[in-house]
Amino acid sequence: MVGRLTEERRDQMIRMLLGLVRHEPARVADVMLDWSGDSTVDEAALLLEIQTFVACLPKTCVITASGSRAGYAGVRRWC
C-alpha cells in the first residue's frame, strides 16, 4: 500500500522527526498541536510527555562510510 503526503504534511513530518532526533521536544509538540486542530489540549502536559519520551531516545549518532563502489572499506560511528 502506498500513500501520498501533501507538501505541508511532509514538512510537518520532517520537523517532527528532526525534533525527535535533535532532542527538541518543543518542536515535536508544535507539530502535534498543529495536527490536533481546534481541540482543547493541555500543552504543558503534552510537552512533559514528549520530553519524557525524547529523554529515552539514544543520542544522535553520525555514521560515515568510505570505500569503493563494491563495498565500504570502513564505517565510523560517533555518538
N, C-alpha and C. Protein backbone atom coordinates (compact mmCIF):
# COMPACT_ATOMS: atom_id res chain seq x y z
N MET A 1 0.85 -1.17 0.00
CA MET A 1 0.00 0.00 0.00
C MET A 1 0.89 1.24 0.00
N VAL A 2 0.54 2.18 -0.83
CA VAL A 2 1.32 3.40 -0.96
C VAL A 2 0.43 4.58 -0.66
N GLY A 3 0.97 5.53 0.09
CA GLY A 3 0.22 6.73 0.39
C GLY A 3 0.99 7.95 -0.08
N ARG A 4 0.32 9.04 -0.17
CA ARG A 4 0.96 10.28 -0.60
C ARG A 4 0.74 11.34 0.48
N LEU A 5 1.76 12.15 0.68
CA LEU A 5 1.68 13.24 1.64
C LEU A 5 1.65 14.56 0.90
N THR A 6 0.86 15.49 1.41
CA THR A 6 0.92 16.83 0.85
C THR A 6 2.26 17.44 1.23
N GLU A 7 2.62 18.50 0.56
CA GLU A 7 3.88 19.17 0.88
C GLU A 7 3.86 19.67 2.33
N GLU A 8 2.72 20.19 2.77
CA GLU A 8 2.60 20.67 4.15
C GLU A 8 2.80 19.54 5.14
N ARG A 9 2.16 18.40 4.90
CA ARG A 9 2.29 17.26 5.81
C ARG A 9 3.70 16.72 5.81
N ARG A 10 4.33 16.70 4.65
CA ARG A 10 5.72 16.24 4.54
C ARG A 10 6.63 17.15 5.37
N ASP A 11 6.42 18.46 5.27
CA ASP A 11 7.22 19.40 6.06
C ASP A 11 6.99 19.19 7.55
N GLN A 12 5.74 18.92 7.93
CA GLN A 12 5.44 18.66 9.34
C GLN A 12 6.14 17.38 9.81
N MET A 13 6.12 16.35 9.00
CA MET A 13 6.79 15.10 9.37
C MET A 13 8.29 15.32 9.54
N ILE A 14 8.88 16.08 8.65
CA ILE A 14 10.31 16.37 8.74
C ILE A 14 10.60 17.14 10.02
N ARG A 15 9.79 18.16 10.32
CA ARG A 15 10.00 18.94 11.55
C ARG A 15 9.87 18.06 12.78
N MET A 16 8.88 17.17 12.79
CA MET A 16 8.68 16.30 13.95
C MET A 16 9.86 15.33 14.11
N LEU A 17 10.29 14.71 13.01
CA LEU A 17 11.40 13.77 13.10
C LEU A 17 12.70 14.48 13.50
N LEU A 18 12.92 15.67 12.97
CA LEU A 18 14.09 16.44 13.40
C LEU A 18 14.03 16.75 14.89
N GLY A 19 12.85 17.08 15.36
CA GLY A 19 12.69 17.34 16.79
C GLY A 19 13.04 16.13 17.64
N LEU A 20 12.66 14.96 17.17
CA LEU A 20 12.99 13.73 17.90
C LEU A 20 14.49 13.45 17.86
N VAL A 21 15.07 13.53 16.67
CA VAL A 21 16.48 13.22 16.51
C VAL A 21 17.37 14.22 17.25
N ARG A 22 16.97 15.47 17.22
CA ARG A 22 17.78 16.53 17.86
C ARG A 22 17.42 16.74 19.33
N HIS A 23 16.52 15.93 19.84
CA HIS A 23 16.07 16.04 21.23
C HIS A 23 15.50 17.44 21.50
N GLU A 24 14.56 17.85 20.66
CA GLU A 24 13.89 19.15 20.78
C GLU A 24 12.38 18.92 20.96
N PRO A 25 11.96 18.62 22.19
CA PRO A 25 10.55 18.29 22.44
C PRO A 25 9.58 19.39 22.02
N ALA A 26 9.96 20.65 22.13
CA ALA A 26 9.04 21.73 21.77
C ALA A 26 8.71 21.69 20.28
N ARG A 27 9.68 21.31 19.45
CA ARG A 27 9.44 21.21 18.01
C ARG A 27 8.42 20.10 17.73
N VAL A 28 8.57 18.98 18.42
CA VAL A 28 7.63 17.87 18.25
C VAL A 28 6.23 18.30 18.71
N ALA A 29 6.17 18.97 19.85
CA ALA A 29 4.88 19.42 20.38
C ALA A 29 4.20 20.39 19.42
N ASP A 30 4.96 21.28 18.80
CA ASP A 30 4.36 22.23 17.86
C ASP A 30 3.66 21.51 16.72
N VAL A 31 4.31 20.48 16.18
CA VAL A 31 3.70 19.72 15.08
C VAL A 31 2.46 19.00 15.58
N MET A 32 2.56 18.37 16.73
CA MET A 32 1.40 17.63 17.25
C MET A 32 0.23 18.56 17.55
N LEU A 33 0.53 19.76 18.01
CA LEU A 33 -0.54 20.73 18.26
C LEU A 33 -1.17 21.18 16.95
N ASP A 34 -0.36 21.31 15.90
CA ASP A 34 -0.92 21.63 14.57
C ASP A 34 -1.88 20.54 14.14
N TRP A 35 -1.53 19.28 14.39
CA TRP A 35 -2.35 18.14 13.99
C TRP A 35 -3.61 18.02 14.83
N SER A 36 -3.61 18.56 16.03
CA SER A 36 -4.77 18.39 16.92
C SER A 36 -5.97 19.23 16.48
N GLY A 37 -5.72 20.19 15.60
CA GLY A 37 -6.83 21.02 15.13
C GLY A 37 -7.27 21.99 16.20
N ASP A 38 -8.57 22.11 16.34
CA ASP A 38 -9.13 23.07 17.29
C ASP A 38 -9.45 22.47 18.65
N SER A 39 -9.11 21.21 18.85
CA SER A 39 -9.45 20.58 20.12
C SER A 39 -8.64 21.18 21.26
N THR A 40 -9.18 21.10 22.44
CA THR A 40 -8.52 21.62 23.62
C THR A 40 -7.43 20.64 24.05
N VAL A 41 -6.22 21.16 24.19
CA VAL A 41 -5.07 20.33 24.54
C VAL A 41 -4.34 20.98 25.71
N ASP A 42 -3.98 20.16 26.69
CA ASP A 42 -3.15 20.65 27.79
C ASP A 42 -1.71 20.67 27.27
N GLU A 43 -1.27 21.83 26.81
CA GLU A 43 0.03 21.94 26.16
C GLU A 43 1.18 21.61 27.10
N ALA A 44 1.07 22.00 28.35
CA ALA A 44 2.13 21.71 29.32
C ALA A 44 2.26 20.21 29.54
N ALA A 45 1.13 19.51 29.65
CA ALA A 45 1.16 18.06 29.84
C ALA A 45 1.70 17.36 28.60
N LEU A 46 1.30 17.85 27.42
CA LEU A 46 1.80 17.27 26.18
C LEU A 46 3.32 17.42 26.10
N LEU A 47 3.82 18.61 26.38
CA LEU A 47 5.25 18.85 26.33
C LEU A 47 5.99 17.96 27.32
N LEU A 48 5.45 17.79 28.51
CA LEU A 48 6.07 16.92 29.52
C LEU A 48 6.14 15.47 29.03
N GLU A 49 5.07 14.99 28.43
CA GLU A 49 5.07 13.62 27.89
C GLU A 49 6.10 13.46 26.78
N ILE A 50 6.19 14.45 25.92
CA ILE A 50 7.16 14.37 24.83
C ILE A 50 8.58 14.45 25.38
N GLN A 51 8.81 15.32 26.37
CA GLN A 51 10.14 15.41 26.99
C GLN A 51 10.54 14.07 27.60
N THR A 52 9.61 13.41 28.25
CA THR A 52 9.89 12.11 28.84
C THR A 52 10.23 11.08 27.77
N PHE A 53 9.48 11.09 26.68
CA PHE A 53 9.74 10.16 25.59
C PHE A 53 11.09 10.42 24.94
N VAL A 54 11.37 11.68 24.64
CA VAL A 54 12.62 12.05 23.97
C VAL A 54 13.83 11.72 24.86
N ALA A 55 13.68 11.86 26.16
CA ALA A 55 14.77 11.55 27.08
C ALA A 55 15.16 10.07 27.01
N CYS A 56 14.25 9.21 26.60
CA CYS A 56 14.53 7.78 26.49
C CYS A 56 15.22 7.42 25.18
N LEU A 57 15.23 8.33 24.22
CA LEU A 57 15.84 8.05 22.93
C LEU A 57 17.36 8.14 23.04
N PRO A 58 18.07 7.33 22.28
CA PRO A 58 19.54 7.43 22.29
C PRO A 58 19.98 8.75 21.68
N LYS A 59 21.17 9.17 22.07
CA LYS A 59 21.74 10.37 21.48
C LYS A 59 21.95 10.13 19.99
N THR A 60 21.91 11.19 19.23
CA THR A 60 22.10 11.09 17.79
C THR A 60 23.52 10.62 17.49
N CYS A 61 23.62 9.71 16.57
CA CYS A 61 24.92 9.21 16.13
C CYS A 61 25.11 9.58 14.67
N VAL A 62 26.33 9.88 14.34
CA VAL A 62 26.68 10.17 12.95
C VAL A 62 27.47 8.98 12.44
N ILE A 63 27.01 8.41 11.37
CA ILE A 63 27.68 7.26 10.78
C ILE A 63 28.19 7.66 9.40
N THR A 64 29.45 7.47 9.20
CA THR A 64 30.03 7.77 7.90
C THR A 64 30.66 6.51 7.34
N ALA A 65 30.65 6.41 6.05
CA ALA A 65 31.24 5.24 5.40
C ALA A 65 32.14 5.72 4.27
N SER A 66 33.21 5.00 4.07
CA SER A 66 34.10 5.32 2.97
C SER A 66 34.52 4.03 2.29
N GLY A 67 34.80 4.10 1.04
CA GLY A 67 35.24 2.90 0.35
C GLY A 67 34.89 2.94 -1.11
N SER A 68 35.08 1.83 -1.74
CA SER A 68 34.83 1.72 -3.17
C SER A 68 33.35 1.48 -3.43
N ARG A 69 33.00 1.48 -4.69
CA ARG A 69 31.62 1.20 -5.07
C ARG A 69 31.21 -0.22 -4.70
N ALA A 70 32.16 -1.12 -4.71
CA ALA A 70 31.85 -2.53 -4.45
C ALA A 70 31.50 -2.76 -2.98
N GLY A 71 32.07 -1.96 -2.10
CA GLY A 71 31.79 -2.15 -0.68
C GLY A 71 32.49 -1.09 0.13
N TYR A 72 32.10 -0.96 1.35
CA TYR A 72 32.69 0.04 2.21
C TYR A 72 33.94 -0.50 2.87
N ALA A 73 35.02 0.27 2.79
CA ALA A 73 36.28 -0.13 3.41
C ALA A 73 36.22 0.09 4.91
N GLY A 74 35.47 1.08 5.33
CA GLY A 74 35.41 1.35 6.76
C GLY A 74 34.15 2.12 7.13
N VAL A 75 33.65 1.87 8.29
CA VAL A 75 32.49 2.58 8.80
C VAL A 75 32.87 3.15 10.15
N ARG A 76 32.59 4.42 10.34
CA ARG A 76 32.90 5.07 11.61
C ARG A 76 31.62 5.59 12.23
N ARG A 77 31.58 5.55 13.53
CA ARG A 77 30.40 5.99 14.25
C ARG A 77 30.81 6.89 15.40
N TRP A 78 30.19 8.07 15.45
CA TRP A 78 30.43 8.99 16.56
C TRP A 78 29.11 9.24 17.25
N CYS A 79 29.09 9.07 18.55
CA CYS A 79 27.87 9.32 19.33
C CYS A 79 28.11 10.43 20.33
